[in-house]
C-alpha atoms as a PDB file:
ATOM      1  CA  MET A   1    -109.573  -6.343  -0.486  1.00  0.00           C
ATOM      2  CA  ILE A   2    -110.537  -9.942  -1.131  1.00  0.00           C
ATOM      3  CA  ARG A   3    -111.505 -10.005  -4.783  1.00  0.00           C
ATOM      4  CA  THR A   4    -114.562 -12.217  -5.113  1.00  0.00           C
ATOM      5  CA  VAL A   5    -116.719 -13.676  -7.873  1.00  0.00           C
ATOM      6  CA  ILE A   6    -120.261 -14.855  -7.094  1.00  0.00           C
ATOM      7  CA  VAL A   7    -121.670 -17.631  -9.279  1.00  0.00           C
ATOM      8  CA  GLU A   8    -125.401 -18.062  -8.672  1.00  0.00           C
ATOM      9  CA  ASP A   9    -128.340 -18.214 -11.062  1.00  0.00           C
ATOM     10  CA  LYS A  10    -131.070 -17.054  -8.650  1.00  0.00           C
ATOM     11  CA  PRO A  11    -131.290 -13.233  -8.234  1.00  0.00           C
ATOM     12  CA  VAL A  12    -132.436 -13.374  -4.609  1.00  0.00           C
ATOM     13  CA  ILE A  13    -129.424 -15.490  -3.614  1.00  0.00           C
ATOM     14  CA  GLN A  14    -127.136 -13.256  -5.670  1.00  0.00           C
ATOM     15  CA  GLU A  15    -128.322 -10.248  -3.668  1.00  0.00           C
ATOM     16  CA  TYR A  16    -127.964 -12.069  -0.356  1.00  0.00           C
ATOM     17  CA  LEU A  17    -124.382 -13.128  -1.069  1.00  0.00           C
ATOM     18  CA  ARG A  18    -123.392  -9.719  -2.445  1.00  0.00           C
ATOM     19  CA  ASP A  19    -124.892  -7.837   0.511  1.00  0.00           C
ATOM     20  CA  MET A  20    -123.259 -10.202   3.012  1.00  0.00           C
ATOM     21  CA  LEU A  21    -119.821  -9.717   1.490  1.00  0.00           C
ATOM     22  CA  LEU A  22    -120.070  -5.957   1.050  1.00  0.00           C
ATOM     23  CA  ALA A  23    -121.392  -5.496   4.585  1.00  0.00           C
ATOM     24  CA  ASP A  24    -118.312  -7.287   5.906  1.00  0.00           C
ATOM     25  CA  GLY A  25    -116.050  -4.638   4.393  1.00  0.00           C
ATOM     26  CA  ARG A  26    -113.153  -6.915   3.449  1.00  0.00           C
ATOM     27  CA  PHE A  27    -114.523  -8.111   0.110  1.00  0.00           C
ATOM     28  CA  SER A  28    -114.929  -6.583  -3.316  1.00  0.00           C
ATOM     29  CA  VAL A  29    -117.409  -8.246  -5.659  1.00  0.00           C
ATOM     30  CA  GLU A  30    -115.735  -8.302  -9.064  1.00  0.00           C
ATOM     31  CA  ALA A  31    -118.544 -10.093 -10.886  1.00  0.00           C
ATOM     32  CA  ILE A  32    -121.879 -11.843 -10.371  1.00  0.00           C
ATOM     33  CA  LEU A  33    -122.405 -14.628 -12.875  1.00  0.00           C
ATOM     34  CA  ARG A  34    -125.248 -17.058 -13.538  1.00  0.00           C
ATOM     35  CA  ASP A  35    -123.125 -19.591 -15.422  1.00  0.00           C
ATOM     36  CA  ALA A  36    -120.299 -21.474 -13.711  1.00  0.00           C
ATOM     37  CA  PHE A  37    -118.356 -21.906 -16.936  1.00  0.00           C
ATOM     38  CA  ALA A  38    -118.114 -18.119 -17.356  1.00  0.00           C
ATOM     39  CA  SER A  39    -116.171 -17.866 -14.101  1.00  0.00           C
ATOM     40  CA  GLU A  40    -113.240 -19.881 -15.406  1.00  0.00           C
ATOM     41  CA  GLU A  41    -111.904 -17.209 -17.752  1.00  0.00           C
ATOM     42  CA  LEU A  42    -112.140 -14.566 -15.024  1.00  0.00           C
ATOM     43  CA  CYS A  43    -110.004 -16.711 -12.745  1.00  0.00           C
ATOM     44  CA  ARG A  44    -107.419 -17.587 -15.373  1.00  0.00           C
ATOM     45  CA  GLY A  45    -105.363 -14.472 -14.805  1.00  0.00           C
ATOM     46  CA  GLY A  46    -104.965 -15.110 -11.102  1.00  0.00           C
ATOM     47  CA  GLY A  47    -106.540 -11.883  -9.880  1.00  0.00           C
ATOM     48  CA  ILE A  48    -109.509 -13.494  -8.118  1.00  0.00           C
ATOM     49  CA  ASP A  49    -109.086 -14.572  -4.497  1.00  0.00           C
ATOM     50  CA  LEU A  50    -112.438 -16.276  -3.898  1.00  0.00           C
ATOM     51  CA  VAL A  51    -115.262 -17.822  -5.894  1.00  0.00           C
ATOM     52  CA  LEU A  52    -118.589 -18.544  -4.227  1.00  0.00           C
ATOM     53  CA  MET A  53    -119.721 -21.278  -6.570  1.00  0.00           C
ATOM     54  CA  ASP A  54    -123.262 -22.548  -6.892  1.00  0.00           C
ATOM     55  CA  VAL A  55    -123.224 -26.229  -7.871  1.00  0.00           C
ATOM     56  CA  GLN A  56    -126.149 -26.222 -10.320  1.00  0.00           C
ATOM     57  CA  THR A  57    -125.970 -23.075 -12.443  1.00  0.00           C
ATOM     58  CA  LEU A  58    -127.497 -21.726 -15.649  1.00  0.00           C
ATOM     59  CA  HIS A  59    -128.087 -24.401 -18.322  1.00  0.00           C
ATOM     60  CA  ASN A  60    -127.332 -27.036 -15.626  1.00  0.00           C
ATOM     61  CA  HIS A  61    -123.639 -26.211 -15.963  1.00  0.00           C
ATOM     62  CA  SER A  62    -121.782 -27.812 -13.087  1.00  0.00           C
ATOM     63  CA  GLY A  63    -120.098 -25.572 -10.544  1.00  0.00           C
ATOM     64  CA  LEU A  64    -118.170 -28.629  -9.388  1.00  0.00           C
ATOM     65  CA  ALA A  65    -116.617 -29.086 -12.840  1.00  0.00           C
ATOM     66  CA  SER A  66    -115.725 -25.400 -13.011  1.00  0.00           C
ATOM     67  CA  GLY A  67    -114.372 -25.467  -9.476  1.00  0.00           C
ATOM     68  CA  GLN A  68    -112.149 -28.411 -10.352  1.00  0.00           C
ATOM     69  CA  ARG A  69    -110.754 -26.582 -13.365  1.00  0.00           C
ATOM     70  CA  ILE A  70    -110.230 -23.313 -11.457  1.00  0.00           C
ATOM     71  CA  ARG A  71    -108.365 -25.080  -8.663  1.00  0.00           C
ATOM     72  CA  ALA A  72    -106.222 -26.899 -11.242  1.00  0.00           C
ATOM     73  CA  MET A  73    -105.037 -23.534 -12.591  1.00  0.00           C
ATOM     74  CA  GLY A  74    -102.818 -23.182  -9.532  1.00  0.00           C
ATOM     75  CA  LYS A  75    -103.636 -19.489  -9.149  1.00  0.00           C
ATOM     76  CA  LYS A  76    -104.445 -19.787  -5.404  1.00  0.00           C
ATOM     77  CA  THR A  77    -108.091 -18.907  -5.988  1.00  0.00           C
ATOM     78  CA  LYS A  78    -110.254 -20.438  -3.263  1.00  0.00           C
ATOM     79  CA  VAL A  79    -113.525 -22.072  -4.312  1.00  0.00           C
ATOM     80  CA  VAL A  80    -116.368 -22.377  -1.813  1.00  0.00           C
ATOM     81  CA  ALA A  81    -119.211 -24.476  -3.198  1.00  0.00           C
ATOM     82  CA  VAL A  82    -122.634 -23.211  -2.132  1.00  0.00           C
ATOM     83  CA  THR A  83    -125.540 -25.568  -2.749  1.00  0.00           C
ATOM     84  CA  SER A  84    -128.997 -26.767  -1.778  1.00  0.00           C
ATOM     85  CA  LEU A  85    -128.416 -30.158  -3.439  1.00  0.00           C
ATOM     86  CA  VAL A  86    -128.308 -32.911  -0.817  1.00  0.00           C
ATOM     87  CA  ASP A  87    -127.110 -35.571  -3.256  1.00  0.00           C
ATOM     88  CA  PRO A  88    -124.211 -37.331  -1.442  1.00  0.00           C
ATOM     89  CA  ASP A  89    -122.249 -37.386  -4.714  1.00  0.00           C
ATOM     90  CA  VAL A  90    -122.114 -33.572  -4.681  1.00  0.00           C
ATOM     91  CA  LEU A  91    -120.331 -33.567  -1.316  1.00  0.00           C
ATOM     92  CA  ALA A  92    -118.053 -36.428  -2.388  1.00  0.00           C
ATOM     93  CA  GLN A  93    -116.987 -34.645  -5.587  1.00  0.00           C
ATOM     94  CA  ALA A  94    -116.384 -31.397  -3.727  1.00  0.00           C
ATOM     95  CA  LYS A  95    -114.133 -33.176  -1.226  1.00  0.00           C
ATOM     96  CA  MET A  96    -112.242 -34.927  -4.031  1.00  0.00           C
ATOM     97  CA  GLY A  97    -111.004 -31.642  -5.485  1.00  0.00           C
ATOM     98  CA  ALA A  98    -113.904 -29.700  -6.948  1.00  0.00           C
ATOM     99  CA  ALA A  99    -113.922 -27.162  -4.090  1.00  0.00           C
ATOM    100  CA  ASP A 100    -111.888 -25.982  -1.133  1.00  0.00           C
ATOM    101  CA  SER A 101    -114.998 -26.001   1.061  1.00  0.00           C
ATOM    102  CA  LEU A 102    -118.738 -26.589   0.813  1.00  0.00           C
ATOM    103  CA  TRP A 103    -121.695 -24.896   2.494  1.00  0.00           C
ATOM    104  CA  TYR A 104    -125.327 -25.977   2.303  1.00  0.00           C
ATOM    105  CA  LYS A 105    -127.774 -23.136   1.637  1.00  0.00           C
ATOM    106  CA  ASP A 106    -130.792 -24.721   3.292  1.00  0.00           C
ATOM    107  CA  HIS A 107    -129.184 -27.137   5.714  1.00  0.00           C
ATOM    108  CA  GLY A 108    -125.915 -25.582   6.877  1.00  0.00           C
ATOM    109  CA  SER A 109    -125.312 -25.360  10.617  1.00  0.00           C
ATOM    110  CA  GLU A 110    -122.391 -22.941  10.206  1.00  0.00           C
ATOM    111  CA  GLU A 111    -122.479 -19.344   9.067  1.00  0.00           C
ATOM    112  CA  LEU A 112    -121.242 -18.941   5.500  1.00  0.00           C
ATOM    113  CA  ILE A 113    -118.938 -16.051   6.399  1.00  0.00           C
ATOM    114  CA  ASP A 114    -117.179 -18.294   8.953  1.00  0.00           C
ATOM    115  CA  VAL A 115    -116.693 -21.002   6.319  1.00  0.00           C
ATOM    116  CA  ILE A 116    -115.247 -18.381   3.959  1.00  0.00           C
ATOM    117  CA  GLU A 117    -112.828 -17.052   6.585  1.00  0.00           C
ATOM    118  CA  ARG A 118    -111.564 -20.514   7.473  1.00  0.00           C
ATOM    119  CA  THR A 119    -111.163 -21.376   3.798  1.00  0.00           C
ATOM    120  CA  LEU A 120    -109.150 -18.218   3.078  1.00  0.00           C
ATOM    121  CA  ASN A 121    -106.936 -19.151   6.019  1.00  0.00           C
ATOM    122  CA  GLY A 122    -106.088 -22.456   4.367  1.00  0.00           C
ATOM    123  CA  GLU A 123    -108.615 -24.768   5.989  1.00  0.00           C
ATOM    124  CA  ARG A 124    -110.871 -27.120   4.008  1.00  0.00           C
ATOM    125  CA  VAL A 125    -114.353 -27.024   5.502  1.00  0.00           C
ATOM    126  CA  PHE A 126    -116.796 -29.819   4.715  1.00  0.00           C
ATOM    127  CA  PRO A 127    -119.722 -31.378   6.598  1.00  0.00           C
ATOM    128  CA  GLY A 128    -119.130 -34.956   7.672  1.00  0.00           C
ATOM    129  CA  SER A 129    -122.035 -36.107   5.540  1.00  0.00           C
ATOM    130  CA  ALA A 130    -124.782 -34.782   3.296  1.00  0.00           C
ATOM    131  CA  PRO A 131    -127.895 -33.551   5.146  1.00  0.00           C
ATOM    132  CA  SER A 132    -130.480 -36.194   5.980  1.00  0.00           C
ATOM    133  CA  ILE A 133    -133.853 -35.062   4.702  1.00  0.00           C
ATOM    134  CA  GLU A 134    -137.340 -36.431   5.213  1.00  0.00           C
ATOM    135  CA  LEU A 135    -138.797 -38.438   2.358  1.00  0.00           C
ATOM    136  CA  ASN A 136    -142.384 -39.142   3.338  1.00  0.00           C
ATOM    137  CA  GLU A 137    -141.976 -41.730   6.149  1.00  0.00           C
ATOM    138  CA  MET A 138    -138.191 -42.198   6.011  1.00  0.00           C
ATOM    139  CA  PHE A 139    -135.024 -40.120   6.089  1.00  0.00           C
ATOM    140  CA  SER A 140    -132.441 -40.044   3.349  1.00  0.00           C
ATOM    141  CA  GLY A 141    -129.706 -40.759   5.894  1.00  0.00           C
ATOM    142  CA  ASP A 142    -131.185 -44.226   6.338  1.00  0.00           C
ATOM    143  CA  ILE A 143    -130.640 -45.096   2.660  1.00  0.00           C
ATOM    144  CA  THR A 144    -127.599 -47.312   2.176  1.00  0.00           C
ATOM    145  CA  PRO A 145    -124.940 -46.661  -0.505  1.00  0.00           C
ATOM    146  CA  ARG A 146    -126.201 -49.683  -2.451  1.00  0.00           C
ATOM    147  CA  GLN A 147    -129.769 -48.381  -2.345  1.00  0.00           C
ATOM    148  CA  MET A 148    -128.526 -44.946  -3.450  1.00  0.00           C
ATOM    149  CA  SER A 149    -126.768 -46.518  -6.414  1.00  0.00           C
ATOM    150  CA  VAL A 150    -130.005 -48.218  -7.491  1.00  0.00           C
ATOM    151  CA  LEU A 151    -131.960 -44.984  -7.005  1.00  0.00           C
ATOM    152  CA  ARG A 152    -129.438 -43.048  -9.073  1.00  0.00           C
ATOM    153  CA  CYS A 153    -129.801 -45.473 -11.963  1.00  0.00           C
ATOM    154  CA  PHE A 154    -133.590 -45.419 -11.616  1.00  0.00           C
ATOM    155  CA  VAL A 155    -133.653 -41.620 -11.786  1.00  0.00           C
ATOM    156  CA  LYS A 156    -131.591 -41.831 -14.984  1.00  0.00           C
ATOM    157  CA  GLY A 157    -134.424 -43.845 -16.515  1.00  0.00           C
ATOM    158  CA  MET A 158    -132.609 -47.171 -16.630  1.00  0.00           C
ATOM    159  CA  THR A 159    -134.623 -50.397 -16.746  1.00  0.00           C
ATOM    160  CA  TYR A 160    -134.329 -53.117 -14.117  1.00  0.00           C
ATOM    161  CA  ASP A 161    -132.199 -55.155 -16.517  1.00  0.00           C
ATOM    162  CA  GLU A 162    -129.895 -52.181 -17.179  1.00  0.00           C
ATOM    163  CA  ILE A 163    -129.557 -51.408 -13.466  1.00  0.00           C
ATOM    164  CA  ALA A 164    -128.783 -55.043 -12.698  1.00  0.00           C
ATOM    165  CA  SER A 165    -126.073 -55.099 -15.366  1.00  0.00           C
ATOM    166  CA  GLU A 166    -124.606 -51.747 -14.270  1.00  0.00           C
ATOM    167  CA  LEU A 167    -124.436 -52.655 -10.560  1.00  0.00           C
ATOM    168  CA  LYS A 168    -123.801 -56.385 -10.948  1.00  0.00           C
ATOM    169  CA  LEU A 169    -127.059 -57.313  -9.249  1.00  0.00           C
ATOM    170  CA  SER A 170    -129.838 -59.668 -10.231  1.00  0.00           C
ATOM    171  CA  LYS A 171    -133.009 -58.195 -11.677  1.00  0.00           C
ATOM    172  CA  ILE A 172    -134.858 -59.594  -8.664  1.00  0.00           C
ATOM    173  CA  GLY A 173    -132.327 -57.882  -6.383  1.00  0.00           C
ATOM    174  CA  VAL A 174    -132.965 -54.529  -8.043  1.00  0.00           C
ATOM    175  CA  ARG A 175    -136.720 -54.981  -7.697  1.00  0.00           C
ATOM    176  CA  LYS A 176    -136.392 -55.913  -4.014  1.00  0.00           C
ATOM    177  CA  ILE A 177    -134.278 -52.864  -3.266  1.00  0.00           C
ATOM    178  CA  LEU A 178    -136.776 -50.498  -4.870  1.00  0.00           C
ATOM    179  CA  GLU A 179    -139.749 -52.272  -3.280  1.00  0.00           C
ATOM    180  CA  GLY A 180    -138.016 -52.040   0.094  1.00  0.00           C
ATOM    181  CA  LEU A 181    -137.543 -48.282  -0.298  1.00  0.00           C
ATOM    182  CA  ILE A 182    -141.144 -47.868  -1.417  1.00  0.00           C
ATOM    183  CA  ALA A 183    -142.400 -49.731   1.657  1.00  0.00           C
ATOM    184  CA  LYS A 184    -140.028 -47.998   4.083  1.00  0.00           C
ATOM    185  CA  GLY A 185    -140.971 -44.559   2.800  1.00  0.00           C
ATOM    186  CA  GLY A 186    -144.689 -45.285   2.690  1.00  0.00           C
ATOM    187  CA  PHE A 187    -144.940 -44.557  -1.022  1.00  0.00           C
ATOM    188  CA  ALA A 188    -147.768 -45.945  -3.144  1.00  0.00           C
ATOM    189  CA  ASN A 189    -145.436 -46.951  -5.985  1.00  0.00           C
ATOM    190  CA  LYS A 190    -141.999 -46.429  -7.493  1.00  0.00           C
ATOM    191  CA  TYR A 191    -143.097 -43.284  -9.304  1.00  0.00           C
ATOM    192  CA  GLU A 192    -144.022 -41.552  -6.029  1.00  0.00           C
ATOM    193  CA  LEU A 193    -140.570 -42.520  -4.754  1.00  0.00           C
ATOM    194  CA  LEU A 194    -138.973 -41.126  -7.906  1.00  0.00           C
ATOM    195  CA  ILE A 195    -140.803 -37.797  -7.569  1.00  0.00           C
ATOM    196  CA  ALA A 196    -139.802 -37.429  -3.904  1.00  0.00           C
ATOM    197  CA  VAL A 197    -136.150 -38.187  -4.639  1.00  0.00           C
ATOM    198  CA  VAL A 198    -135.957 -35.687  -7.511  1.00  0.00           C
ATOM    199  CA  GLU A 199    -137.995 -32.894  -5.900  1.00  0.00           C
ATOM    200  CA  ASN A 200    -135.914 -33.056  -2.714  1.00  0.00           C
ATOM    201  CA  LYS A 201    -132.660 -32.955  -4.743  1.00  0.00           C
ATOM    202  CA  LEU A 202    -131.437 -36.226  -3.260  1.00  0.00           C
ATOM    203  CA  VAL A 203    -130.300 -37.497  -6.665  1.00  0.00           C
ATOM    204  CA  VAL A 204    -129.105 -35.059  -9.322  1.00  0.00           C
ATOM    205  CA  THR A 205    -128.241 -36.377 -12.763  1.00  0.00           C
ATOM    206  CA  THR A 206    -128.573 -33.250 -14.910  1.00  0.00           C
ATOM    207  CA  LEU A 207    -125.272 -31.474 -14.183  1.00  0.00           C
ATOM    208  CA  MET A 208    -123.155 -30.860 -17.294  1.00  0.00           C
ATOM    209  CA  ASP A 209    -119.378 -30.903 -16.864  1.00  0.00           C
ATOM    210  CA  GLN A 210    -118.718 -29.172 -20.181  1.00  0.00           C
ATOM    211  CA  GLU A 211    -120.447 -27.665 -23.180  1.00  0.00           C
ATOM    212  CA  PRO A 212    -121.753 -30.285 -25.622  1.00  0.00           C
ATOM    213  CA  GLU A 213    -119.794 -30.526 -28.842  1.00  0.00           C
ATOM    214  CA  ASP A 214    -121.453 -29.288 -32.019  1.00  0.00           C
END
């Protein structure tokens, strides 16, 4: 049996993943956890073959951070990140070592069980790019890396001056980039743009890599 841990904070997705694995017949579900950090101790002994890892788990604990630490244990546990977050940084971090593969819950074109099988056979399975989603009158795939960097800082609550300093741009340059996105997307103002970006999970800044120190 392929000993599996499911990390997912939503009960309906927990049930879907559990039922899919048990119906296959090759998997045993050793645990279903809501918090990514809790999965690390289970994997430490080396008895877990597969972790289906949600990226944003209970308390905003990062499944990517946990996946990175699990893979660094060298116990041959495979980590398949499962997410609805379309933030390009999520895919980039997964590819850089936080997961063996990644599957999008709402946008995946492949069946999850196929991704799992290929991963267990030693393949790393990643989409070529994050899904392009509709943001009012534009698509996220049309946003350039520079524009994404400005958006990410804006979502963090940084001022124009702070963004300019962080990205080595002029304050006017920052304003032009945001105004260009507002116009392209048909938004009334920068706050409508901000809401659309956050609600559609295009920029995620709340993931915690570790527990805060007391």
